[in-house]
C-alpha atoms as a PDB file:
ATOM      1  CA  UNK A   1     139.681 112.487 182.922  1.00  0.00           C
ATOM      2  CA  UNK A   2     136.452 112.672 180.959  1.00  0.00           C
ATOM      3  CA  UNK A   3     136.305 113.724 177.322  1.00  0.00           C
ATOM      4  CA  UNK A   4     134.624 116.706 175.722  1.00  0.00           C
ATOM      5  CA  UNK A   5     132.369 115.316 172.994  1.00  0.00           C
ATOM      6  CA  UNK A   6     130.029 116.720 170.363  1.00  0.00           C
ATOM      7  CA  UNK A   7     127.903 114.152 168.519  1.00  0.00           C
ATOM      8  CA  UNK A   8     125.628 114.887 165.574  1.00  0.00           C
ATOM      9  CA  UNK A   9     122.524 112.735 165.194  1.00  0.00           C
ATOM     10  CA  UNK A  10     121.394 113.117 161.588  1.00  0.00           C
ATOM     11  CA  UNK A  11     118.180 111.133 162.156  1.00  0.00           C
ATOM     12  CA  UNK A  12     116.307 110.307 158.903  1.00  0.00           C
ATOM     13  CA  UNK A  13     118.014 112.957 156.802  1.00  0.00           C
ATOM     14  CA  UNK A  14     120.510 113.124 153.912  1.00  0.00           C
ATOM     15  CA  UNK A  15     120.644 110.783 150.927  1.00  0.00           C
ATOM     16  CA  UNK A  16     123.937 109.344 149.667  1.00  0.00           C
ATOM     17  CA  UNK A  17     125.016 112.383 147.652  1.00  0.00           C
ATOM     18  CA  UNK A  18     124.018 114.802 150.408  1.00  0.00           C
ATOM     19  CA  UNK A  19     125.831 112.679 152.981  1.00  0.00           C
ATOM     20  CA  UNK A  20     129.023 112.746 150.932  1.00  0.00           C
ATOM     21  CA  UNK A  21     128.854 116.500 150.537  1.00  0.00           C
ATOM     22  CA  UNK A  22     128.233 117.150 154.237  1.00  0.00           C
ATOM     23  CA  UNK A  23     130.973 114.767 155.333  1.00  0.00           C
ATOM     24  CA  UNK A  24     133.486 116.354 152.984  1.00  0.00           C
ATOM     25  CA  UNK A  25     132.630 119.835 154.240  1.00  0.00           C
ATOM     26  CA  UNK A  26     132.719 118.734 157.881  1.00  0.00           C
ATOM     27  CA  UNK A  27     136.088 117.080 157.470  1.00  0.00           C
ATOM     28  CA  UNK A  28     137.545 120.247 155.984  1.00  0.00           C
ATOM     29  CA  UNK A  29     135.947 122.554 158.540  1.00  0.00           C
ATOM     30  CA  UNK A  30     136.409 120.548 161.737  1.00  0.00           C
ATOM     31  CA  UNK A  31     140.072 119.942 161.070  1.00  0.00           C
ATOM     32  CA  UNK A  32     140.533 123.610 161.831  1.00  0.00           C
ATOM     33  CA  UNK A  33     138.212 124.146 164.796  1.00  0.00           C
ATOM     34  CA  UNK A  34     137.853 120.919 166.754  1.00  0.00           C
ATOM     35  CA  UNK A  35     139.377 120.400 170.178  1.00  0.00           C
ATOM     36  CA  UNK A  36     136.602 117.988 171.161  1.00  0.00           C
ATOM     37  CA  UNK A  37     135.926 114.435 170.093  1.00  0.00           C
ATOM     38  CA  UNK A  38     133.452 114.686 167.229  1.00  0.00           C
ATOM     39  CA  UNK A  39     130.982 111.948 166.260  1.00  0.00           C
ATOM     40  CA  UNK A  40     128.443 111.868 163.441  1.00  0.00           C
ATOM     41  CA  UNK A  41     125.531 109.446 163.098  1.00  0.00           C
ATOM     42  CA  UNK A  42     124.200 109.209 159.524  1.00  0.00           C
ATOM     43  CA  UNK A  43     121.445 106.842 158.439  1.00  0.00           C
ATOM     44  CA  UNK A  44     122.150 103.100 158.173  1.00  0.00           C
ATOM     45  CA  UNK A  45     122.361 103.237 154.359  1.00  0.00           C
ATOM     46  CA  UNK A  46     125.136 105.828 154.514  1.00  0.00           C
ATOM     47  CA  UNK A  47     127.262 104.464 157.361  1.00  0.00           C
ATOM     48  CA  UNK A  48     129.740 102.695 155.093  1.00  0.00           C
ATOM     49  CA  UNK A  49     130.152 105.829 152.978  1.00  0.00           C
ATOM     50  CA  UNK A  50     130.788 107.774 156.176  1.00  0.00           C
ATOM     51  CA  UNK A  51     133.439 105.412 157.529  1.00  0.00           C
ATOM     52  CA  UNK A  52     135.236 105.442 154.162  1.00  0.00           C
ATOM     53  CA  UNK A  53     135.047 109.230 153.854  1.00  0.00           C
ATOM     54  CA  UNK A  54     136.305 109.820 157.395  1.00  0.00           C
ATOM     55  CA  UNK A  55     139.136 107.268 157.505  1.00  0.00           C
ATOM     56  CA  UNK A  56     141.744 110.010 157.359  1.00  0.00           C
ATOM     57  CA  UNK A  57     139.827 112.180 159.829  1.00  0.00           C
ATOM     58  CA  UNK A  58     139.514 112.251 163.607  1.00  0.00           C
ATOM     59  CA  UNK A  59     135.723 112.379 163.262  1.00  0.00           C
ATOM     60  CA  UNK A  60     134.088 109.144 164.420  1.00  0.00           C
ATOM     61  CA  UNK A  61     130.975 107.460 163.038  1.00  0.00           C
ATOM     62  CA  UNK A  62     128.068 106.148 165.113  1.00  0.00           C
ATOM     63  CA  UNK A  63     124.919 104.217 164.276  1.00  0.00           C
ATOM     64  CA  UNK A  64     121.583 105.647 165.371  1.00  0.00           C
ATOM     65  CA  UNK A  65     120.294 102.307 166.659  1.00  0.00           C
ATOM     66  CA  UNK A  66     121.032  98.580 166.796  1.00  0.00           C
ATOM     67  CA  UNK A  67     119.096  95.380 167.411  1.00  0.00           C
ATOM     68  CA  UNK A  68     119.695  93.378 170.577  1.00  0.00           C
ATOM     69  CA  UNK A  69     119.908  89.979 168.842  1.00  0.00           C
ATOM     70  CA  UNK A  70     123.085  88.651 167.279  1.00  0.00           C
ATOM     71  CA  UNK A  71     121.255  87.666 164.083  1.00  0.00           C
ATOM     72  CA  UNK A  72     118.031  86.011 162.955  1.00  0.00           C
ATOM     73  CA  UNK A  73     114.592  86.619 161.509  1.00  0.00           C
ATOM     74  CA  UNK A  74     114.305  90.312 162.358  1.00  0.00           C
ATOM     75  CA  UNK A  75     113.390  91.899 159.055  1.00  0.00           C
ATOM     76  CA  UNK A  76     114.758  95.400 158.625  1.00  0.00           C
ATOM     77  CA  UNK A  77     117.037  95.283 161.658  1.00  0.00           C
ATOM     78  CA  UNK A  78     120.801  95.749 161.986  1.00  0.00           C
ATOM     79  CA  UNK A  79     123.104  93.777 164.290  1.00  0.00           C
ATOM     80  CA  UNK A  80     126.218  94.781 166.202  1.00  0.00           C
ATOM     81  CA  UNK A  81     128.333  92.490 164.049  1.00  0.00           C
ATOM     82  CA  UNK A  82     127.078  94.182 160.880  1.00  0.00           C
ATOM     83  CA  UNK A  83     128.051  97.580 162.287  1.00  0.00           C
ATOM     84  CA  UNK A  84     131.453  96.384 163.420  1.00  0.00           C
ATOM     85  CA  UNK A  85     132.111  94.860 159.996  1.00  0.00           C
ATOM     86  CA  UNK A  86     132.051  98.362 158.445  1.00  0.00           C
ATOM     87  CA  UNK A  87     134.138  99.923 161.251  1.00  0.00           C
ATOM     88  CA  UNK A  88     131.213 101.450 163.120  1.00  0.00           C
ATOM     89  CA  UNK A  89     132.106 100.971 166.765  1.00  0.00           C
ATOM     90  CA  UNK A  90     129.744 103.463 168.404  1.00  0.00           C
ATOM     91  CA  UNK A  91     125.954 103.292 168.698  1.00  0.00           C
ATOM     92  CA  UNK A  92     123.248 105.602 170.031  1.00  0.00           C
ATOM     93  CA  UNK A  93     120.791 103.725 172.237  1.00  0.00           C
ATOM     94  CA  UNK A  94     117.635 104.912 173.966  1.00  0.00           C
ATOM     95  CA  UNK A  95     117.042 108.101 172.001  1.00  0.00           C
ATOM     96  CA  UNK A  96     113.764 109.709 173.024  1.00  0.00           C
ATOM     97  CA  UNK A  97     112.317 109.177 169.546  1.00  0.00           C
ATOM     98  CA  UNK A  98     113.077 105.457 169.728  1.00  0.00           C
ATOM     99  CA  UNK A  99     111.404 105.327 173.121  1.00  0.00           C
ATOM    100  CA  UNK A 100     108.360 107.364 172.056  1.00  0.00           C
ATOM    101  CA  UNK A 101     107.721 106.260 168.455  1.00  0.00           C
ATOM    102  CA  UNK A 102     108.970 102.675 168.561  1.00  0.00           C
ATOM    103  CA  UNK A 103     108.059 101.692 172.096  1.00  0.00           C
ATOM    104  CA  UNK A 104     111.572 100.950 173.305  1.00  0.00           C
ATOM    105  CA  UNK A 105     111.460 100.145 177.011  1.00  0.00           C
ATOM    106  CA  UNK A 106     114.158 100.201 179.670  1.00  0.00           C
ATOM    107  CA  UNK A 107     114.184  96.395 179.616  1.00  0.00           C
ATOM    108  CA  UNK A 108     114.748  96.281 175.865  1.00  0.00           C
ATOM    109  CA  UNK A 109     117.443  98.915 176.096  1.00  0.00           C
ATOM    110  CA  UNK A 110     119.264  96.972 178.790  1.00  0.00           C
ATOM    111  CA  UNK A 111     119.436  94.058 176.342  1.00  0.00           C
ATOM    112  CA  UNK A 112     120.784  96.321 173.597  1.00  0.00           C
ATOM    113  CA  UNK A 113     123.353  97.694 176.029  1.00  0.00           C
ATOM    114  CA  UNK A 114     124.495  94.148 176.832  1.00  0.00           C
ATOM    115  CA  UNK A 115     124.862  93.215 173.174  1.00  0.00           C
ATOM    116  CA  UNK A 116     126.770  96.372 172.301  1.00  0.00           C
ATOM    117  CA  UNK A 117     129.138  95.925 175.244  1.00  0.00           C
ATOM    118  CA  UNK A 118     129.679  92.270 174.389  1.00  0.00           C
ATOM    119  CA  UNK A 119     130.943  93.491 171.025  1.00  0.00           C
ATOM    120  CA  UNK A 120     133.215  96.095 172.600  1.00  0.00           C
ATOM    121  CA  UNK A 121     131.183  98.975 171.240  1.00  0.00           C
ATOM    122  CA  UNK A 122     130.935 102.468 172.692  1.00  0.00           C
ATOM    123  CA  UNK A 123     127.373 103.434 173.651  1.00  0.00           C
ATOM    124  CA  UNK A 124     125.834 106.881 173.663  1.00  0.00           C
ATOM    125  CA  UNK A 125     123.035 106.137 176.123  1.00  0.00           C
ATOM    126  CA  UNK A 126     120.127 108.593 175.953  1.00  0.00           C
ATOM    127  CA  UNK A 127     117.544 109.338 178.626  1.00  0.00           C
ATOM    128  CA  UNK A 128     115.419 112.219 179.876  1.00  0.00           C
ATOM    129  CA  UNK A 129     112.053 113.412 181.057  1.00  0.00           C
ATOM    130  CA  UNK A 130     108.977 114.595 179.181  1.00  0.00           C
ATOM    131  CA  UNK A 131     107.223 117.902 179.774  1.00  0.00           C
ATOM    132  CA  UNK A 132     104.643 116.478 182.172  1.00  0.00           C
ATOM    133  CA  UNK A 133     107.427 114.964 184.270  1.00  0.00           C
ATOM    134  CA  UNK A 134     109.139 118.340 184.539  1.00  0.00           C
ATOM    135  CA  UNK A 135     105.893 120.161 185.355  1.00  0.00           C
ATOM    136  CA  UNK A 136     105.009 117.644 188.061  1.00  0.00           C
ATOM    137  CA  UNK A 137     108.517 117.919 189.525  1.00  0.00           C
ATOM    138  CA  UNK A 138     109.078 114.238 188.774  1.00  0.00           C
ATOM    139  CA  UNK A 139     112.010 114.732 186.407  1.00  0.00           C
ATOM    140  CA  UNK A 140     114.719 113.538 188.771  1.00  0.00           C
ATOM    141  CA  UNK A 141     112.849 110.313 189.530  1.00  0.00           C
ATOM    142  CA  UNK A 142     112.280 109.612 185.822  1.00  0.00           C
ATOM    143  CA  UNK A 143     115.932 110.110 184.960  1.00  0.00           C
ATOM    144  CA  UNK A 144     117.091 107.988 187.884  1.00  0.00           C
ATOM    145  CA  UNK A 145     114.713 105.189 186.882  1.00  0.00           C
ATOM    146  CA  UNK A 146     115.839 105.199 183.242  1.00  0.00           C
ATOM    147  CA  UNK A 147     119.479 105.019 184.290  1.00  0.00           C
ATOM    148  CA  UNK A 148     118.962 102.267 186.834  1.00  0.00           C
ATOM    149  CA  UNK A 149     116.741 100.099 184.656  1.00  0.00           C
ATOM    150  CA  UNK A 150     118.632 100.498 181.403  1.00  0.00           C
ATOM    151  CA  UNK A 151     122.240 100.818 182.450  1.00  0.00           C
ATOM    152  CA  UNK A 152     123.075 100.197 186.096  1.00  0.00           C
ATOM    153  CA  UNK A 153     123.397  96.443 185.711  1.00  0.00           C
ATOM    154  CA  UNK A 154     126.733  96.750 183.907  1.00  0.00           C
ATOM    155  CA  UNK A 155     130.112  96.094 185.517  1.00  0.00           C
ATOM    156  CA  UNK A 156     132.364  98.913 186.652  1.00  0.00           C
ATOM    157  CA  UNK A 157     134.908  97.929 183.997  1.00  0.00           C
ATOM    158  CA  UNK A 158     132.337  98.525 181.235  1.00  0.00           C
ATOM    159  CA  UNK A 159     131.780 102.192 182.041  1.00  0.00           C
ATOM    160  CA  UNK A 160     134.757 103.105 179.888  1.00  0.00           C
ATOM    161  CA  UNK A 161     132.483 102.297 176.918  1.00  0.00           C
ATOM    162  CA  UNK A 162     129.622 104.531 178.075  1.00  0.00           C
ATOM    163  CA  UNK A 163     128.785 108.103 177.073  1.00  0.00           C
ATOM    164  CA  UNK A 164     125.630 109.527 178.649  1.00  0.00           C
ATOM    165  CA  UNK A 165     123.289 111.917 176.846  1.00  0.00           C
ATOM    166  CA  UNK A 166     120.653 113.728 178.878  1.00  0.00           C
ATOM    167  CA  UNK A 167     117.708 114.751 176.716  1.00  0.00           C
ATOM    168  CA  UNK A 168     114.915 116.840 178.197  1.00  0.00           C
ATOM    169  CA  UNK A 169     112.307 115.560 175.736  1.00  0.00           C
ATOM    170  CA  UNK A 170     110.332 118.803 175.944  1.00  0.00           C
ATOM    171  CA  UNK A 171     113.350 120.598 174.447  1.00  0.00           C
ATOM    172  CA  UNK A 172     113.865 118.409 171.369  1.00  0.00           C
ATOM    173  CA  UNK A 173     112.617 119.851 168.090  1.00  0.00           C
ATOM    174  CA  UNK A 174     110.432 122.350 169.931  1.00  0.00           C
ATOM    175  CA  UNK A 175     112.752 125.334 169.945  1.00  0.00           C
ATOM    176  CA  UNK A 176     112.687 125.186 173.735  1.00  0.00           C
ATOM    177  CA  UNK A 177     115.945 124.650 175.566  1.00  0.00           C
ATOM    178  CA  UNK A 178     116.652 123.876 179.170  1.00  0.00           C
ATOM    179  CA  UNK A 179     118.480 126.799 180.704  1.00  0.00           C
ATOM    180  CA  UNK A 180     122.194 126.277 181.347  1.00  0.00           C
ATOM    181  CA  UNK A 181     121.318 126.182 185.042  1.00  0.00           C
ATOM    182  CA  UNK A 182     118.690 123.471 184.501  1.00  0.00           C
ATOM    183  CA  UNK A 183     121.144 121.446 182.420  1.00  0.00           C
ATOM    184  CA  UNK A 184     123.836 121.738 185.078  1.00  0.00           C
ATOM    185  CA  UNK A 185     121.396 120.817 187.855  1.00  0.00           C
ATOM    186  CA  UNK A 186     120.407 117.604 186.083  1.00  0.00           C
ATOM    187  CA  UNK A 187     123.943 116.686 185.041  1.00  0.00           C
ATOM    188  CA  UNK A 188     125.115 117.103 188.636  1.00  0.00           C
ATOM    189  CA  UNK A 189     122.208 114.916 189.776  1.00  0.00           C
ATOM    190  CA  UNK A 190     123.195 112.258 187.251  1.00  0.00           C
ATOM    191  CA  UNK A 191     126.736 112.169 188.600  1.00  0.00           C
ATOM    192  CA  UNK A 192     125.494 111.907 192.176  1.00  0.00           C
ATOM    193  CA  UNK A 193     123.219 109.035 191.154  1.00  0.00           C
ATOM    194  CA  UNK A 194     126.185 107.204 189.618  1.00  0.00           C
ATOM    195  CA  UNK A 195     128.225 107.782 192.786  1.00  0.00           C
ATOM    196  CA  UNK A 196     125.515 106.060 194.822  1.00  0.00           C
ATOM    197  CA  UNK A 197     125.269 103.111 192.431  1.00  0.00           C
ATOM    198  CA  UNK A 198     128.982 102.760 191.675  1.00  0.00           C
ATOM    199  CA  UNK A 199     131.642 105.209 192.864  1.00  0.00           C
ATOM    200  CA  UNK A 200     133.036 108.717 192.458  1.00  0.00           C
ATOM    201  CA  UNK A 201     135.705 107.663 189.970  1.00  0.00           C
ATOM    202  CA  UNK A 202     133.161 106.366 187.468  1.00  0.00           C
ATOM    203  CA  UNK A 203     130.889 109.350 188.042  1.00  0.00           C
ATOM    204  CA  UNK A 204     133.707 111.812 187.461  1.00  0.00           C
ATOM    205  CA  UNK A 205     135.131 109.996 184.436  1.00  0.00           C
ATOM    206  CA  UNK A 206     131.960 109.502 182.395  1.00  0.00           C
ATOM    207  CA  UNK A 207     131.119 112.146 179.803  1.00  0.00           C
ATOM    208  CA  UNK A 208     127.567 113.499 180.059  1.00  0.00           C
ATOM    209  CA  UNK A 209     126.249 115.274 176.967  1.00  0.00           C
ATOM    210  CA  UNK A 210     123.302 117.636 176.830  1.00  0.00           C
ATOM    211  CA  UNK A 211     120.814 117.008 174.022  1.00  0.00           C
ATOM    212  CA  UNK A 212     117.986 119.452 173.472  1.00  0.00           C
ATOM    213  CA  UNK A 213     117.999 122.187 170.825  1.00  0.00           C
ATOM    214  CA  UNK A 214     121.647 123.160 171.178  1.00  0.00           C
ATOM    215  CA  UNK A 215     122.445 125.940 168.722  1.00  0.00           C
ATOM    216  CA  UNK A 216     125.501 128.078 167.973  1.00  0.00           C
ATOM    217  CA  UNK A 217     124.007 130.930 169.999  1.00  0.00           C
ATOM    218  CA  UNK A 218     123.569 128.930 173.223  1.00  0.00           C
ATOM    219  CA  UNK A 219     126.248 126.214 172.994  1.00  0.00           C
ATOM    220  CA  UNK A 220     129.046 128.107 174.714  1.00  0.00           C
ATOM    221  CA  UNK A 221     126.944 128.996 177.757  1.00  0.00           C
ATOM    222  CA  UNK A 222     125.643 125.429 178.128  1.00  0.00           C
ATOM    223  CA  UNK A 223     129.047 123.813 177.592  1.00  0.00           C
ATOM    224  CA  UNK A 224     130.627 126.122 180.176  1.00  0.00           C
ATOM    225  CA  UNK A 225     128.766 124.394 183.000  1.00  0.00           C
ATOM    226  CA  UNK A 226     131.086 122.120 185.004  1.00  0.00           C
ATOM    227  CA  UNK A 227     129.114 118.890 184.582  1.00  0.00           C
ATOM    228  CA  UNK A 228     128.178 119.373 180.906  1.00  0.00           C
ATOM    229  CA  UNK A 229     130.778 117.660 178.727  1.00  0.00           C
ATOM    230  CA  UNK A 230     129.364 118.459 175.299  1.00  0.00           C
ATOM    231  CA  UNK A 231     126.230 117.878 173.294  1.00  0.00           C
ATOM    232  CA  UNK A 232     124.162 115.433 171.281  1.00  0.00           C
ATOM    233  CA  UNK A 233     123.088 117.667 168.430  1.00  0.00           C
ATOM    234  CA  UNK A 234     120.076 117.105 166.186  1.00  0.00           C
ATOM    235  CA  UNK A 235     118.978 119.576 163.519  1.00  0.00           C
ATOM    236  CA  UNK A 236     122.008 121.846 163.819  1.00  0.00           C
ATOM    237  CA  UNK A 237     124.320 118.931 162.954  1.00  0.00           C
ATOM    238  CA  UNK A 238     122.907 118.903 159.414  1.00  0.00           C
ATOM    239  CA  UNK A 239     124.464 122.277 158.615  1.00  0.00           C
ATOM    240  CA  UNK A 240     128.247 122.447 158.452  1.00  0.00           C
ATOM    241  CA  UNK A 241     128.503 126.026 159.686  1.00  0.00           C
ATOM    242  CA  UNK A 242     126.143 125.501 162.639  1.00  0.00           C
ATOM    243  CA  UNK A 243     127.703 122.219 163.675  1.00  0.00           C
ATOM    244  CA  UNK A 244     131.271 123.468 163.436  1.00  0.00           C
ATOM    245  CA  UNK A 245     130.308 126.544 165.466  1.00  0.00           C
ATOM    246  CA  UNK A 246     128.887 124.295 168.187  1.00  0.00           C
ATOM    247  CA  UNK A 247     132.018 122.145 168.159  1.00  0.00           C
ATOM    248  CA  UNK A 248     134.209 125.214 168.482  1.00  0.00           C
ATOM    249  CA  UNK A 249     132.166 126.339 171.503  1.00  0.00           C
ATOM    250  CA  UNK A 250     133.281 123.346 173.589  1.00  0.00           C
END
């Protein structure tokens, strides 16, 4: 049976002191409201602080990215082994901002997926269409292509380490949100695509999160859809009251 999950992607926000304050407040608040699995993804410099702060909590810590190589001359990059060494066992891969701003391709992401899985890590794999894809009615083809090229090479046994996050790119940081019906339509399509590539068991067991301007005032309606298993939250995850309200809506 698939899990209900709410993950907060902090992006390039919160210094060390601010991270400590937010984590402390989240730990106190979410202990009272959470029935879902909760994950937070601070910046690289604050991951160790997060794992130490949350040791006594059910809240998990994820990295926002990871390099595909084991080690080497890759200035500024972080390896899977480095993350594992500080008890970070989950990583976000393929976020729309990594694809758009840093040129991450499906081929590159497939390599990152392989490395993360080789280290036994859990992957939050992001994908989704841009506005022009939606307007041209090409959104299903784009999503199917991103899944196939970045993820569908893995073995059936490795799906237990996969969490999917559908991000309509036109609804990230724009204030626009896909309607609950649009989110459900795409999530159902994603499951049907997995059935074709693998089987119904994998499709029904994998958690699919919605990521695109989820707020306290729309979370409950979105999360109520049968194929939406939670959310990958951006800006609202930086505020303890907003994030805890979204978690409680699951």
